[in-house]
Amino acid sequence: MTENEISKIIVDCALKVHRALGPGLLESSYEECLFYELGKRNLNVEKQKALPLVYEEVKLNVGYRIDLIVEDKVIVELKSVESINDVHLAQVLTYLKLSECKLGLLINFNVALIKYGIKRVVNNL
């Protein structure tokens, strides 16, 4: 399955979760529900996956955690904030670089319509 095919399923599941719950909940609530929905679609999903920083020959566990990683290909960073800003985008780009994944989805559930809360982020390896 390609990154684009996976991302379409992720967006469909995010839409379903947002329709059911609406905006205004904690990020962790959306994470659990999206994790559940993706699992129902028989996708391999890991949540809160530790992401070490490798510097020269040293592997540093500095506390980076990916909200969701789907099929070891697409990183999903979830937010429940007033608006997405450059720091959120930089976070996803960092995760993409460290994981060597090509595609990330930054999803803000604190919006009236979920389509305005989804940003695709591409890692140009």
PDB file of N, CA and C in Angstrom:
ATOM      1  N   MET A   1       0.853  -1.175   0.000  1.00  0.00           N
ATOM      2  CA  MET A   1       0.000   0.000   0.000  1.00  0.00           C
ATOM      3  C   MET A   1       0.903   1.243   0.000  1.00  0.00           C
ATOM      4  N   THR A   2       0.577   2.225  -0.818  1.00  0.00           N
ATOM      5  CA  THR A   2       1.388   3.444  -0.909  1.00  0.00           C
ATOM      6  C   THR A   2       1.036   4.425   0.212  1.00  0.00           C
ATOM      7  N   GLU A   3       1.915   5.395   0.394  1.00  0.00           N
ATOM      8  CA  GLU A   3       1.667   6.439   1.382  1.00  0.00           C
ATOM      9  C   GLU A   3       0.368   7.180   1.094  1.00  0.00           C
ATOM     10  N   ASN A   4       0.095   7.434  -0.183  1.00  0.00           N
ATOM     11  CA  ASN A   4      -1.133   8.150  -0.538  1.00  0.00           C
ATOM     12  C   ASN A   4      -2.378   7.331  -0.230  1.00  0.00           C
ATOM     13  N   GLU A   5      -2.324   6.031  -0.472  1.00  0.00           N
ATOM     14  CA  GLU A   5      -3.462   5.163  -0.153  1.00  0.00           C
ATOM     15  C   GLU A   5      -3.691   5.113   1.357  1.00  0.00           C
ATOM     16  N   ILE A   6      -2.598   5.021   2.100  1.00  0.00           N
ATOM     17  CA  ILE A   6      -2.692   4.998   3.561  1.00  0.00           C
ATOM     18  C   ILE A   6      -3.255   6.320   4.069  1.00  0.00           C
ATOM     19  N   SER A   7      -2.766   7.431   3.523  1.00  0.00           N
ATOM     20  CA  SER A   7      -3.226   8.738   4.002  1.00  0.00           C
ATOM     21  C   SER A   7      -4.706   8.955   3.727  1.00  0.00           C
ATOM     22  N   LYS A   8      -5.211   8.418   2.627  1.00  0.00           N
ATOM     23  CA  LYS A   8      -6.644   8.541   2.341  1.00  0.00           C
ATOM     24  C   LYS A   8      -7.460   7.834   3.421  1.00  0.00           C
ATOM     25  N   ILE A   9      -7.021   6.646   3.823  1.00  0.00           N
ATOM     26  CA  ILE A   9      -7.718   5.910   4.877  1.00  0.00           C
ATOM     27  C   ILE A   9      -7.647   6.676   6.198  1.00  0.00           C
ATOM     28  N   ILE A  10      -6.486   7.237   6.494  1.00  0.00           N
ATOM     29  CA  ILE A  10      -6.320   8.013   7.730  1.00  0.00           C
ATOM     30  C   ILE A  10      -7.278   9.203   7.749  1.00  0.00           C
ATOM     31  N   VAL A  11      -7.360   9.917   6.631  1.00  0.00           N
ATOM     32  CA  VAL A  11      -8.251  11.079   6.542  1.00  0.00           C
ATOM     33  C   VAL A  11      -9.706  10.643   6.695  1.00  0.00           C
ATOM     34  N   ASP A  12     -10.085   9.546   6.061  1.00  0.00           N
ATOM     35  CA  ASP A  12     -11.456   9.032   6.198  1.00  0.00           C
ATOM     36  C   ASP A  12     -11.767   8.709   7.662  1.00  0.00           C
ATOM     37  N   CYS A  13     -10.826   8.073   8.341  1.00  0.00           N
ATOM     38  CA  CYS A  13     -11.028   7.725   9.752  1.00  0.00           C
ATOM     39  C   CYS A  13     -11.080   8.980  10.622  1.00  0.00           C
ATOM     40  N   ALA A  14     -10.231   9.956  10.339  1.00  0.00           N
ATOM     41  CA  ALA A  14     -10.243  11.209  11.096  1.00  0.00           C
ATOM     42  C   ALA A  14     -11.584  11.922  10.931  1.00  0.00           C
ATOM     43  N   LEU A  15     -12.115  11.895   9.717  1.00  0.00           N
ATOM     44  CA  LEU A  15     -13.419  12.491   9.446  1.00  0.00           C
ATOM     45  C   LEU A  15     -14.500  11.800  10.276  1.00  0.00           C
ATOM     46  N   LYS A  16     -14.455  10.480  10.325  1.00  0.00           N
ATOM     47  CA  LYS A  16     -15.440   9.725  11.102  1.00  0.00           C
ATOM     48  C   LYS A  16     -15.356  10.073  12.585  1.00  0.00           C
ATOM     49  N   VAL A  17     -14.136  10.133  13.111  1.00  0.00           N
ATOM     50  CA  VAL A  17     -13.942  10.472  14.522  1.00  0.00           C
ATOM     51  C   VAL A  17     -14.429  11.890  14.802  1.00  0.00           C
ATOM     52  N   HIS A  18     -14.091  12.828  13.923  1.00  0.00           N
ATOM     53  CA  HIS A  18     -14.483  14.228  14.129  1.00  0.00           C
ATOM     54  C   HIS A  18     -15.999  14.390  14.064  1.00  0.00           C
ATOM     55  N   ARG A  19     -16.639  13.683  13.141  1.00  0.00           N
ATOM     56  CA  ARG A  19     -18.111  13.748  13.053  1.00  0.00           C
ATOM     57  C   ARG A  19     -18.760  13.251  14.339  1.00  0.00           C
ATOM     58  N   ALA A  20     -18.178  12.206  14.924  1.00  0.00           N
ATOM     59  CA  ALA A  20     -18.753  11.610  16.134  1.00  0.00           C
ATOM     60  C   ALA A  20     -18.480  12.460  17.375  1.00  0.00           C
ATOM     61  N   LEU A  21     -17.290  13.019  17.476  1.00  0.00           N
ATOM     62  CA  LEU A  21     -16.891  13.707  18.713  1.00  0.00           C
ATOM     63  C   LEU A  21     -16.933  15.229  18.640  1.00  0.00           C
ATOM     64  N   GLY A  22     -16.738  15.782  17.440  1.00  0.00           N
ATOM     65  CA  GLY A  22     -16.674  17.231  17.304  1.00  0.00           C
ATOM     66  C   GLY A  22     -15.390  17.791  17.868  1.00  0.00           C
ATOM     67  N   PRO A  23     -15.231  19.109  17.817  1.00  0.00           N
ATOM     68  CA  PRO A  23     -14.033  19.758  18.351  1.00  0.00           C
ATOM     69  C   PRO A  23     -14.123  19.923  19.871  1.00  0.00           C
ATOM     70  N   GLY A  24     -12.980  20.249  20.481  1.00  0.00           N
ATOM     71  CA  GLY A  24     -12.980  20.652  21.880  1.00  0.00           C
ATOM     72  C   GLY A  24     -12.521  19.632  22.895  1.00  0.00           C
ATOM     73  N   LEU A  25     -12.201  18.406  22.464  1.00  0.00           N
ATOM     74  CA  LEU A  25     -11.725  17.400  23.409  1.00  0.00           C
ATOM     75  C   LEU A  25     -10.202  17.434  23.496  1.00  0.00           C
ATOM     76  N   LEU A  26      -9.665  16.656  24.399  1.00  0.00           N
ATOM     77  CA  LEU A  26      -8.221  16.546  24.527  1.00  0.00           C
ATOM     78  C   LEU A  26      -7.643  15.757  23.358  1.00  0.00           C
ATOM     79  N   GLU A  27      -6.428  16.086  22.995  1.00  0.00           N
ATOM     80  CA  GLU A  27      -5.732  15.390  21.919  1.00  0.00           C
ATOM     81  C   GLU A  27      -5.715  13.876  22.151  1.00  0.00           C
ATOM     82  N   SER A  28      -5.511  13.463  23.386  1.00  0.00           N
ATOM     83  CA  SER A  28      -5.423  12.034  23.709  1.00  0.00           C
ATOM     84  C   SER A  28      -6.727  11.299  23.383  1.00  0.00           C
ATOM     85  N   SER A  29      -7.850  11.960  23.502  1.00  0.00           N
ATOM     86  CA  SER A  29      -9.136  11.342  23.161  1.00  0.00           C
ATOM     87  C   SER A  29      -9.211  11.043  21.670  1.00  0.00           C
ATOM     88  N   TYR A  30      -8.816  12.015  20.869  1.00  0.00           N
ATOM     89  CA  TYR A  30      -8.825  11.810  19.418  1.00  0.00           C
ATOM     90  C   TYR A  30      -7.821  10.731  19.011  1.00  0.00           C
ATOM     91  N   GLU A  31      -6.680  10.723  19.688  1.00  0.00           N
ATOM     92  CA  GLU A  31      -5.648   9.728  19.383  1.00  0.00           C
ATOM     93  C   GLU A  31      -6.172   8.309  19.599  1.00  0.00           C
ATOM     94  N   GLU A  32      -6.812   8.088  20.728  1.00  0.00           N
ATOM     95  CA  GLU A  32      -7.332   6.753  21.026  1.00  0.00           C
ATOM     96  C   GLU A  32      -8.399   6.331  20.018  1.00  0.00           C
ATOM     97  N   CYS A  33      -9.281   7.251  19.682  1.00  0.00           N
ATOM     98  CA  CYS A  33     -10.362   6.929  18.742  1.00  0.00           C
ATOM     99  C   CYS A  33      -9.826   6.685  17.333  1.00  0.00           C
ATOM    100  N   LEU A  34      -8.873   7.504  16.899  1.00  0.00           N
ATOM    101  CA  LEU A  34      -8.288   7.318  15.572  1.00  0.00           C
ATOM    102  C   LEU A  34      -7.491   6.008  15.524  1.00  0.00           C
ATOM    103  N   PHE A  35      -6.769   5.705  16.575  1.00  0.00           N
ATOM    104  CA  PHE A  35      -6.035   4.443  16.681  1.00  0.00           C
ATOM    105  C   PHE A  35      -7.009   3.265  16.523  1.00  0.00           C
ATOM    106  N   TYR A  36      -8.125   3.343  17.212  1.00  0.00           N
ATOM    107  CA  TYR A  36      -9.152   2.301  17.143  1.00  0.00           C
ATOM    108  C   TYR A  36      -9.693   2.159  15.713  1.00  0.00           C
ATOM    109  N   GLU A  37     -10.045   3.287  15.087  1.00  0.00           N
ATOM    110  CA  GLU A  37     -10.616   3.254  13.730  1.00  0.00           C
ATOM    111  C   GLU A  37      -9.628   2.689  12.716  1.00  0.00           C
ATOM    112  N   LEU A  38      -8.367   3.075  12.823  1.00  0.00           N
ATOM    113  CA  LEU A  38      -7.358   2.569  11.891  1.00  0.00           C
ATOM    114  C   LEU A  38      -7.146   1.069  12.088  1.00  0.00           C
ATOM    115  N   GLY A  39      -7.194   0.630  13.319  1.00  0.00           N
ATOM    116  CA  GLY A  39      -7.093  -0.799  13.611  1.00  0.00           C
ATOM    117  C   GLY A  39      -8.244  -1.583  13.002  1.00  0.00           C
ATOM    118  N   LYS A  40      -9.445  -0.997  13.025  1.00  0.00           N
ATOM    119  CA  LYS A  40     -10.607  -1.642  12.412  1.00  0.00           C
ATOM    120  C   LYS A  40     -10.422  -1.824  10.907  1.00  0.00           C
ATOM    121  N   ARG A  41      -9.593  -0.972  10.317  1.00  0.00           N
ATOM    122  CA  ARG A  41      -9.313  -1.068   8.876  1.00  0.00           C
ATOM    123  C   ARG A  41      -8.142  -2.013   8.587  1.00  0.00           C
ATOM    124  N   ASN A  42      -7.743  -2.748   9.604  1.00  0.00           N
ATOM    125  CA  ASN A  42      -6.658  -3.727   9.480  1.00  0.00           C
ATOM    126  C   ASN A  42      -5.312  -3.117   9.091  1.00  0.00           C
ATOM    127  N   LEU A  43      -5.076  -1.904   9.555  1.00  0.00           N
ATOM    128  CA  LEU A  43      -3.780  -1.273   9.324  1.00  0.00           C
ATOM    129  C   LEU A  43      -2.879  -1.511  10.532  1.00  0.00           C
ATOM    130  N   ASN A  44      -1.602  -1.629  10.271  1.00  0.00           N
ATOM    131  CA  ASN A  44      -0.619  -1.728  11.343  1.00  0.00           C
ATOM    132  C   ASN A  44      -0.385  -0.317  11.886  1.00  0.00           C
ATOM    133  N   VAL A  45      -0.781  -0.085  13.134  1.00  0.00           N
ATOM    134  CA  VAL A  45      -0.682   1.250  13.726  1.00  0.00           C
ATOM    135  C   VAL A  45       0.032   1.144  15.070  1.00  0.00           C
ATOM    136  N   GLU A  46       0.985   2.031  15.271  1.00  0.00           N
ATOM    137  CA  GLU A  46       1.637   2.141  16.575  1.00  0.00           C
ATOM    138  C   GLU A  46       1.350   3.529  17.118  1.00  0.00           C
ATOM    139  N   LYS A  47       1.119   3.611  18.429  1.00  0.00           N
ATOM    140  CA  LYS A  47       0.873   4.923  19.026  1.00  0.00           C
ATOM    141  C   LYS A  47       1.956   5.236  20.048  1.00  0.00           C
ATOM    142  N   GLN A  48       2.258   6.515  20.151  1.00  0.00           N
ATOM    143  CA  GLN A  48       3.277   7.023  21.068  1.00  0.00           C
ATOM    144  C   GLN A  48       4.591   6.264  20.913  1.00  0.00           C
ATOM    145  N   LYS A  49       4.989   6.080  19.660  1.00  0.00           N
ATOM    146  CA  LYS A  49       6.223   5.354  19.354  1.00  0.00           C
ATOM    147  C   LYS A  49       7.430   6.244  19.645  1.00  0.00           C
ATOM    148  N   ALA A  50       8.342   5.711  20.446  1.00  0.00           N
ATOM    149  CA  ALA A  50       9.566   6.442  20.767  1.00  0.00           C
ATOM    150  C   ALA A  50      10.404   6.594  19.502  1.00  0.00           C
ATOM    151  N   LEU A  51      10.977   7.783  19.361  1.00  0.00           N
ATOM    152  CA  LEU A  51      11.792   8.084  18.189  1.00  0.00           C
ATOM    153  C   LEU A  51      13.128   8.640  18.673  1.00  0.00           C
ATOM    154  N   PRO A  52      14.181   7.804  18.626  1.00  0.00           N
ATOM    155  CA  PRO A  52      15.475   8.284  19.116  1.00  0.00           C
ATOM    156  C   PRO A  52      16.135   9.235  18.126  1.00  0.00           C
ATOM    157  N   LEU A  53      17.008  10.040  18.643  1.00  0.00           N
ATOM    158  CA  LEU A  53      17.830  10.935  17.838  1.00  0.00           C
ATOM    159  C   LEU A  53      19.200  10.286  17.735  1.00  0.00           C
ATOM    160  N   VAL A  54      19.666  10.066  16.517  1.00  0.00           N
ATOM    161  CA  VAL A  54      20.989   9.484  16.326  1.00  0.00           C
ATOM    162  C   VAL A  54      21.936  10.606  15.930  1.00  0.00           C
ATOM    163  N   TYR A  55      22.954  10.785  16.755  1.00  0.00           N
ATOM    164  CA  TYR A  55      23.969  11.801  16.497  1.00  0.00           C
ATOM    165  C   TYR A  55      25.312  11.102  16.405  1.00  0.00           C
ATOM    166  N   GLU A  56      25.937  11.188  15.248  1.00  0.00           N
ATOM    167  CA  GLU A  56      27.147  10.440  14.950  1.00  0.00           C
ATOM    168  C   GLU A  56      26.902   8.971  15.266  1.00  0.00           C
ATOM    169  N   GLU A  57      27.553   8.408  16.269  1.00  0.00           N
ATOM    170  CA  GLU A  57      27.366   6.992  16.585  1.00  0.00           C
ATOM    171  C   GLU A  57      26.562   6.787  17.859  1.00  0.00           C
ATOM    172  N   VAL A  58      25.955   7.850  18.362  1.00  0.00           N
ATOM    173  CA  VAL A  58      25.242   7.783  19.632  1.00  0.00           C
ATOM    174  C   VAL A  58      23.739   7.857  19.385  1.00  0.00           C
ATOM    175  N   LYS A  59      23.014   6.934  20.009  1.00  0.00           N
ATOM    176  CA  LYS A  59      21.556   6.923  19.933  1.00  0.00           C
ATOM    177  C   LYS A  59      21.037   7.567  21.215  1.00  0.00           C
ATOM    178  N   LEU A  60      20.366   8.706  21.066  1.00  0.00           N
ATOM    179  CA  LEU A  60      19.882   9.472  22.212  1.00  0.00           C
ATOM    180  C   LEU A  60      18.369   9.344  22.336  1.00  0.00           C
ATOM    181  N   ASN A  61      17.931   8.901  23.485  1.00  0.00           N
ATOM    182  CA  ASN A  61      16.493   8.859  23.753  1.00  0.00           C
ATOM    183  C   ASN A  61      16.125  10.161  24.444  1.00  0.00           C
ATOM    184  N   VAL A  62      15.685  11.114  23.648  1.00  0.00           N
ATOM    185  CA  VAL A  62      15.442  12.470  24.152  1.00  0.00           C
ATOM    186  C   VAL A  62      13.961  12.800  24.283  1.00  0.00           C
ATOM    187  N   GLY A  63      13.125  11.794  24.210  1.00  0.00           N
ATOM    188  CA  GLY A  63      11.717  12.027  24.491  1.00  0.00           C
ATOM    189  C   GLY A  63      10.816  12.301  23.311  1.00  0.00           C
ATOM    190  N   TYR A  64      11.329  12.159  22.086  1.00  0.00           N
ATOM    191  CA  TYR A  64      10.444  12.329  20.939  1.00  0.00           C
ATOM    192  C   TYR A  64       9.498  11.140  20.859  1.00  0.00           C
ATOM    193  N   ARG A  65       8.215  11.430  20.653  1.00  0.00           N
ATOM    194  CA  ARG A  65       7.203  10.377  20.525  1.00  0.00           C
ATOM    195  C   ARG A  65       6.271  10.725  19.374  1.00  0.00           C
ATOM    196  N   ILE A  66       6.137   9.776  18.456  1.00  0.00           N
ATOM    197  CA  ILE A  66       5.223   9.950  17.333  1.00  0.00           C
ATOM    198  C   ILE A  66       3.827   9.565  17.824  1.00  0.00           C
ATOM    199  N   ASP A  67       2.835  10.437  17.607  1.00  0.00           N
ATOM    200  CA  ASP A  67       1.469  10.118  18.041  1.00  0.00           C
ATOM    201  C   ASP A  67       1.025   8.792  17.437  1.00  0.00           C
ATOM    202  N   LEU A  68       1.016   8.722  16.113  1.00  0.00           N
ATOM    203  CA  LEU A  68       0.652   7.485  15.412  1.00  0.00           C
ATOM    204  C   LEU A  68       1.575   7.315  14.218  1.00  0.00           C
ATOM    205  N   ILE A  69       1.988   6.091  13.983  1.00  0.00           N
ATOM    206  CA  ILE A  69       2.699   5.765  12.741  1.00  0.00           C
ATOM    207  C   ILE A  69       1.957   4.583  12.124  1.00  0.00           C
ATOM    208  N   VAL A  70       1.571   4.758  10.868  1.00  0.00           N
ATOM    209  CA  VAL A  70       0.703   3.799  10.192  1.00  0.00           C
ATOM    210  C   VAL A  70       1.497   3.067   9.111  1.00  0.00           C
ATOM    211  N   GLU A  71       1.466   1.736   9.210  1.00  0.00           N
ATOM    212  CA  GLU A  71       2.150   0.864   8.243  1.00  0.00           C
ATOM    213  C   GLU A  71       3.638   1.206   8.111  1.00  0.00           C
ATOM    214  N   ASP A  72       4.230   1.768   9.141  1.00  0.00           N
ATOM    215  CA  ASP A  72       5.643   2.182   9.137  1.00  0.00           C
ATOM    216  C   ASP A  72       5.968   3.132   7.985  1.00  0.00           C
ATOM    217  N   LYS A  73       4.941   3.838   7.494  1.00  0.00           N
ATOM    218  CA  LYS A  73       5.140   4.725   6.346  1.00  0.00           C
ATOM    219  C   LYS A  73       4.637   6.139   6.556  1.00  0.00           C
ATOM    220  N   VAL A  74       3.545   6.303   7.293  1.00  0.00           N
ATOM    221  CA  VAL A  74       2.913   7.623   7.431  1.00  0.00           C
ATOM    222  C   VAL A  74       2.856   8.002   8.907  1.00  0.00           C
ATOM    223  N   ILE A  75       3.402   9.174   9.199  1.00  0.00           N
ATOM    224  CA  ILE A  75       3.369   9.702  10.559  1.00  0.00           C
ATOM    225  C   ILE A  75       2.135  10.581  10.704  1.00  0.00           C
ATOM    226  N   VAL A  76       1.430  10.407  11.823  1.00  0.00           N
ATOM    227  CA  VAL A  76       0.254  11.227  12.103  1.00  0.00           C
ATOM    228  C   VAL A  76       0.502  11.953  13.415  1.00  0.00           C
ATOM    229  N   GLU A  77       0.534  13.279  13.338  1.00  0.00           N
ATOM    230  CA  GLU A  77       0.697  14.113  14.531  1.00  0.00           C
ATOM    231  C   GLU A  77      -0.643  14.791  14.778  1.00  0.00           C
ATOM    232  N   LEU A  78      -1.199  14.548  15.958  1.00  0.00           N
ATOM    233  CA  LEU A  78      -2.528  15.065  16.286  1.00  0.00           C
ATOM    234  C   LEU A  78      -2.430  16.281  17.195  1.00  0.00           C
ATOM    235  N   LYS A  79      -3.338  17.203  16.975  1.00  0.00           N
ATOM    236  CA  LYS A  79      -3.431  18.407  17.798  1.00  0.00           C
ATOM    237  C   LYS A  79      -4.895  18.694  18.093  1.00  0.00           C
ATOM    238  N   SER A  80      -5.103  19.414  19.174  1.00  0.00           N
ATOM    239  CA  SER A  80      -6.417  19.957  19.487  1.00  0.00           C
ATOM    240  C   SER A  80      -6.162  21.370  19.990  1.00  0.00           C
ATOM    241  N   VAL A  81      -5.864  22.250  19.043  1.00  0.00           N
ATOM    242  CA  VAL A  81      -5.428  23.609  19.349  1.00  0.00           C
ATOM    243  C   VAL A  81      -6.240  24.622  18.541  1.00  0.00           C
ATOM    244  N   GLU A  82      -6.131  25.889  18.935  1.00  0.00           N
ATOM    245  CA  GLU A  82      -6.866  26.933  18.231  1.00  0.00           C
ATOM    246  C   GLU A  82      -6.457  27.018  16.765  1.00  0.00           C
ATOM    247  N   SER A  83      -5.145  26.904  16.505  1.00  0.00           N
ATOM    248  CA  SER A  83      -4.670  26.907  15.121  1.00  0.00           C
ATOM    249  C   SER A  83      -3.300  26.250  15.041  1.00  0.00           C
ATOM    250  N   ILE A  84      -3.036  25.681  13.890  1.00  0.00           N
ATOM    251  CA  ILE A  84      -1.731  25.072  13.613  1.00  0.00           C
ATOM    252  C   ILE A  84      -0.745  26.206  13.348  1.00  0.00           C
ATOM    253  N   ASN A  85       0.449  26.075  13.913  1.00  0.00           N
ATOM    254  CA  ASN A  85       1.467  27.100  13.644  1.00  0.00           C
ATOM    255  C   ASN A  85       2.760  26.450  13.171  1.00  0.00           C
ATOM    256  N   ASP A  86       3.777  27.265  12.937  1.00  0.00           N
ATOM    257  CA  ASP A  86       5.040  26.788  12.372  1.00  0.00           C
ATOM    258  C   ASP A  86       5.744  25.767  13.270  1.00  0.00           C
ATOM    259  N   VAL A  87       5.573  25.874  14.580  1.00  0.00           N
ATOM    260  CA  VAL A  87       6.208  24.928  15.501  1.00  0.00           C
ATOM    261  C   VAL A  87       5.633  23.527  15.292  1.00  0.00           C
ATOM    262  N   HIS A  88       4.327  23.427  15.074  1.00  0.00           N
ATOM    263  CA  HIS A  88       3.692  22.130  14.825  1.00  0.00           C
ATOM    264  C   HIS A  88       4.212  21.522  13.519  1.00  0.00           C
ATOM    265  N   LEU A  89       4.329  22.349  12.506  1.00  0.00           N
ATOM    266  CA  LEU A  89       4.843  21.895  11.216  1.00  0.00           C
ATOM    267  C   LEU A  89       6.292  21.433  11.357  1.00  0.00           C
ATOM    268  N   ALA A  90       7.097  22.193  12.084  1.00  0.00           N
ATOM    269  CA  ALA A  90       8.498  21.824  12.302  1.00  0.00           C
ATOM    270  C   ALA A  90       8.602  20.494  13.046  1.00  0.00           C
ATOM    271  N   GLN A  91       7.692  20.265  13.970  1.00  0.00           N
ATOM    272  CA  GLN A  91       7.672  19.006  14.718  1.00  0.00           C
ATOM    273  C   GLN A  91       7.476  17.826  13.770  1.00  0.00           C
ATOM    274  N   VAL A  92       6.525  17.926  12.868  1.00  0.00           N
ATOM    275  CA  VAL A  92       6.265  16.846  11.922  1.00  0.00           C
ATOM    276  C   VAL A  92       7.458  16.657  10.989  1.00  0.00           C
ATOM    277  N   LEU A  93       8.022  17.742  10.521  1.00  0.00           N
ATOM    278  CA  LEU A  93       9.199  17.640   9.646  1.00  0.00           C
ATOM    279  C   LEU A  93      10.361  16.961  10.359  1.00  0.00           C
ATOM    280  N   THR A  94      10.555  17.261  11.623  1.00  0.00           N
ATOM    281  CA  THR A  94      11.600  16.613  12.415  1.00  0.00           C
ATOM    282  C   THR A  94      11.345  15.122  12.523  1.00  0.00           C
ATOM    283  N   TYR A  95      10.106  14.742  12.830  1.00  0.00           N
ATOM    284  CA  TYR A  95       9.758  13.331  12.932  1.00  0.00           C
ATOM    285  C   TYR A  95       9.970  12.603  11.602  1.00  0.00           C
ATOM    286  N   LEU A  96       9.614  13.255  10.509  1.00  0.00           N
ATOM    287  CA  LEU A  96       9.824  12.656   9.192  1.00  0.00           C
ATOM    288  C   LEU A  96      11.310  12.436   8.928  1.00  0.00           C
ATOM    289  N   LYS A  97      12.107  13.427   9.229  1.00  0.00           N
ATOM    290  CA  LYS A  97      13.542  13.336   9.005  1.00  0.00           C
ATOM    291  C   LYS A  97      14.157  12.225   9.860  1.00  0.00           C
ATOM    292  N   LEU A  98      13.826  12.183  11.144  1.00  0.00           N
ATOM    293  CA  LEU A  98      14.408  11.186  12.048  1.00  0.00           C
ATOM    294  C   LEU A  98      13.957   9.767  11.739  1.00  0.00           C
ATOM    295  N   SER A  99      12.729   9.628  11.248  1.00  0.00           N
ATOM    296  CA  SER A  99      12.178   8.297  10.967  1.00  0.00           C
ATOM    297  C   SER A  99      12.441   7.840   9.537  1.00  0.00           C
ATOM    298  N   GLU A 100      12.835   8.775   8.687  1.00  0.00           N
ATOM    299  CA  GLU A 100      13.029   8.526   7.257  1.00  0.00           C
ATOM    300  C   GLU A 100      11.737   8.148   6.540  1.00  0.00           C
ATOM    301  N   CYS A 101      10.605   8.563   7.104  1.00  0.00           N
ATOM    302  CA  CYS A 101       9.315   8.413   6.424  1.00  0.00           C
ATOM    303  C   CYS A 101       9.169   9.546   5.415  1.00  0.00           C
ATOM    304  N   LYS A 102       8.339   9.324   4.404  1.00  0.00           N
ATOM    305  CA  LYS A 102       8.143  10.324   3.354  1.00  0.00           C
ATOM    306  C   LYS A 102       6.952  11.238   3.587  1.00  0.00           C
ATOM    307  N   LEU A 103       5.933  10.751   4.319  1.00  0.00           N
ATOM    308  CA  LEU A 103       4.686  11.515   4.439  1.00  0.00           C
ATOM    309  C   LEU A 103       4.211  11.587   5.880  1.00  0.00           C
ATOM    310  N   GLY A 104       3.786  12.786   6.239  1.00  0.00           N
ATOM    311  CA  GLY A 104       3.180  12.992   7.545  1.00  0.00           C
ATOM    312  C   GLY A 104       1.865  13.732   7.392  1.00  0.00           C
ATOM    313  N   LEU A 105       0.957  13.484   8.321  1.00  0.00           N
ATOM    314  CA  LEU A 105      -0.299  14.224   8.375  1.00  0.00           C
ATOM    315  C   LEU A 105      -0.361  14.934   9.720  1.00  0.00           C
ATOM    316  N   LEU A 106      -0.547  16.223   9.670  1.00  0.00           N
ATOM    317  CA  LEU A 106      -0.743  17.039  10.860  1.00  0.00           C
ATOM    318  C   LEU A 106      -2.237  17.310  10.927  1.00  0.00           C
ATOM    319  N   ILE A 107      -2.891  16.770  11.957  1.00  0.00           N
ATOM    320  CA  ILE A 107      -4.352  16.860  12.041  1.00  0.00           C
ATOM    321  C   ILE A 107      -4.749  17.587  13.311  1.00  0.00           C
ATOM    322  N   ASN A 108      -5.442  18.719  13.133  1.00  0.00           N
ATOM    323  CA  ASN A 108      -5.981  19.493  14.246  1.00  0.00           C
ATOM    324  C   ASN A 108      -7.484  19.219  14.332  1.00  0.00           C
ATOM    325  N   PHE A 109      -7.897  18.585  15.437  1.00  0.00           N
ATOM    326  CA  PHE A 109      -9.308  18.246  15.609  1.00  0.00           C
ATOM    327  C   PHE A 109     -10.133  19.407  16.169  1.00  0.00           C
ATOM    328  N   ASN A 110      -9.490  20.481  16.575  1.00  0.00           N
ATOM    329  CA  ASN A 110     -10.218  21.592  17.185  1.00  0.00           C
ATOM    330  C   ASN A 110     -10.653  22.610  16.120  1.00  0.00           C
ATOM    331  N   VAL A 111     -11.366  22.113  15.111  1.00  0.00           N
ATOM    332  CA  VAL A 111     -11.880  22.939  14.015  1.00  0.00           C
ATOM    333  C   VAL A 111     -13.335  22.555  13.762  1.00  0.00           C
ATOM    334  N   ALA A 112     -14.081  23.473  13.162  1.00  0.00           N
ATOM    335  CA  ALA A 112     -15.489  23.182  12.863  1.00  0.00           C
ATOM    336  C   ALA A 112     -15.612  22.102  11.791  1.00  0.00           C
ATOM    337  N   LEU A 113     -14.782  22.184  10.750  1.00  0.00           N
ATOM    338  CA  LEU A 113     -14.754  21.187   9.679  1.00  0.00           C
ATOM    339  C   LEU A 113     -13.348  20.600   9.614  1.00  0.00           C
ATOM    340  N   ILE A 114     -13.244  19.285   9.723  1.00  0.00           N
ATOM    341  CA  ILE A 114     -11.943  18.626   9.803  1.00  0.00           C
ATOM    342  C   ILE A 114     -11.082  18.890   8.573  1.00  0.00           C
ATOM    343  N   LYS A 115     -11.701  19.140   7.410  1.00  0.00           N
ATOM    344  CA  LYS A 115     -10.890  19.382   6.205  1.00  0.00           C
ATOM    345  C   LYS A 115      -9.992  20.611   6.369  1.00  0.00           C
ATOM    346  N   TYR A 116     -10.378  21.530   7.262  1.00  0.00           N
ATOM    347  CA  TYR A 116      -9.544  22.706   7.506  1.00  0.00           C
ATOM    348  C   TYR A 116      -8.457  22.430   8.548  1.00  0.00           C
ATOM    349  N   GLY A 117      -8.489  21.247   9.133  1.00  0.00           N
ATOM    350  CA  GLY A 117      -7.522  20.915  10.170  1.00  0.00           C
ATOM    351  C   GLY A 117      -6.466  19.917   9.728  1.00  0.00           C
ATOM    352  N   ILE A 118      -6.462  19.547   8.458  1.00  0.00           N
ATOM    353  CA  ILE A 118      -5.520  18.519   7.971  1.00  0.00           C
ATOM    354  C   ILE A 118      -4.481  19.150   7.054  1.00  0.00           C
ATOM    355  N   LYS A 119      -3.226  18.877   7.382  1.00  0.00           N
ATOM    356  CA  LYS A 119      -2.122  19.369   6.551  1.00  0.00           C
ATOM    357  C   LYS A 119      -1.207  18.198   6.209  1.00  0.00           C
ATOM    358  N   ARG A 120      -0.984  17.991   4.925  1.00  0.00           N
ATOM    359  CA  ARG A 120      -0.024  16.968   4.451  1.00  0.00           C
ATOM    360  C   ARG A 120       1.371  17.576   4.503  1.00  0.00           C
ATOM    361  N   VAL A 121       2.313  16.804   5.005  1.00  0.00           N
ATOM    362  CA  VAL A 121       3.687  17.251   5.107  1.00  0.00           C
ATOM    363  C   VAL A 121       4.559  16.196   4.434  1.00  0.00           C
ATOM    364  N   VAL A 122       5.345  16.628   3.451  1.00  0.00           N
ATOM    365  CA  VAL A 122       6.172  15.711   2.673  1.00  0.00           C
ATOM    366  C   VAL A 122       7.641  15.904   3.024  1.00  0.00           C
ATOM    367  N   ASN A 123       8.322  14.786   3.229  1.00  0.00           N
ATOM    368  CA  ASN A 123       9.761  14.797   3.485  1.00  0.00           C
ATOM    369  C   ASN A 123      10.472  14.556   2.169  1.00  0.00           C
ATOM    370  N   ASN A 124      11.153  15.561   1.671  1.00  0.00           N
ATOM    371  CA  ASN A 124      11.910  15.422   0.436  1.00  0.00           C
ATOM    372  C   ASN A 124      13.288  14.870   0.775  1.00  0.00           C
ATOM    373  N   LEU A 125      13.328  13.572   1.014  1.00  0.00           N
ATOM    374  CA  LEU A 125      14.566  12.899   1.418  1.00  0.00           C
ATOM    375  C   LEU A 125      15.678  13.397   0.590  1.00  0.00           C
TER     376      LEU A 125
END
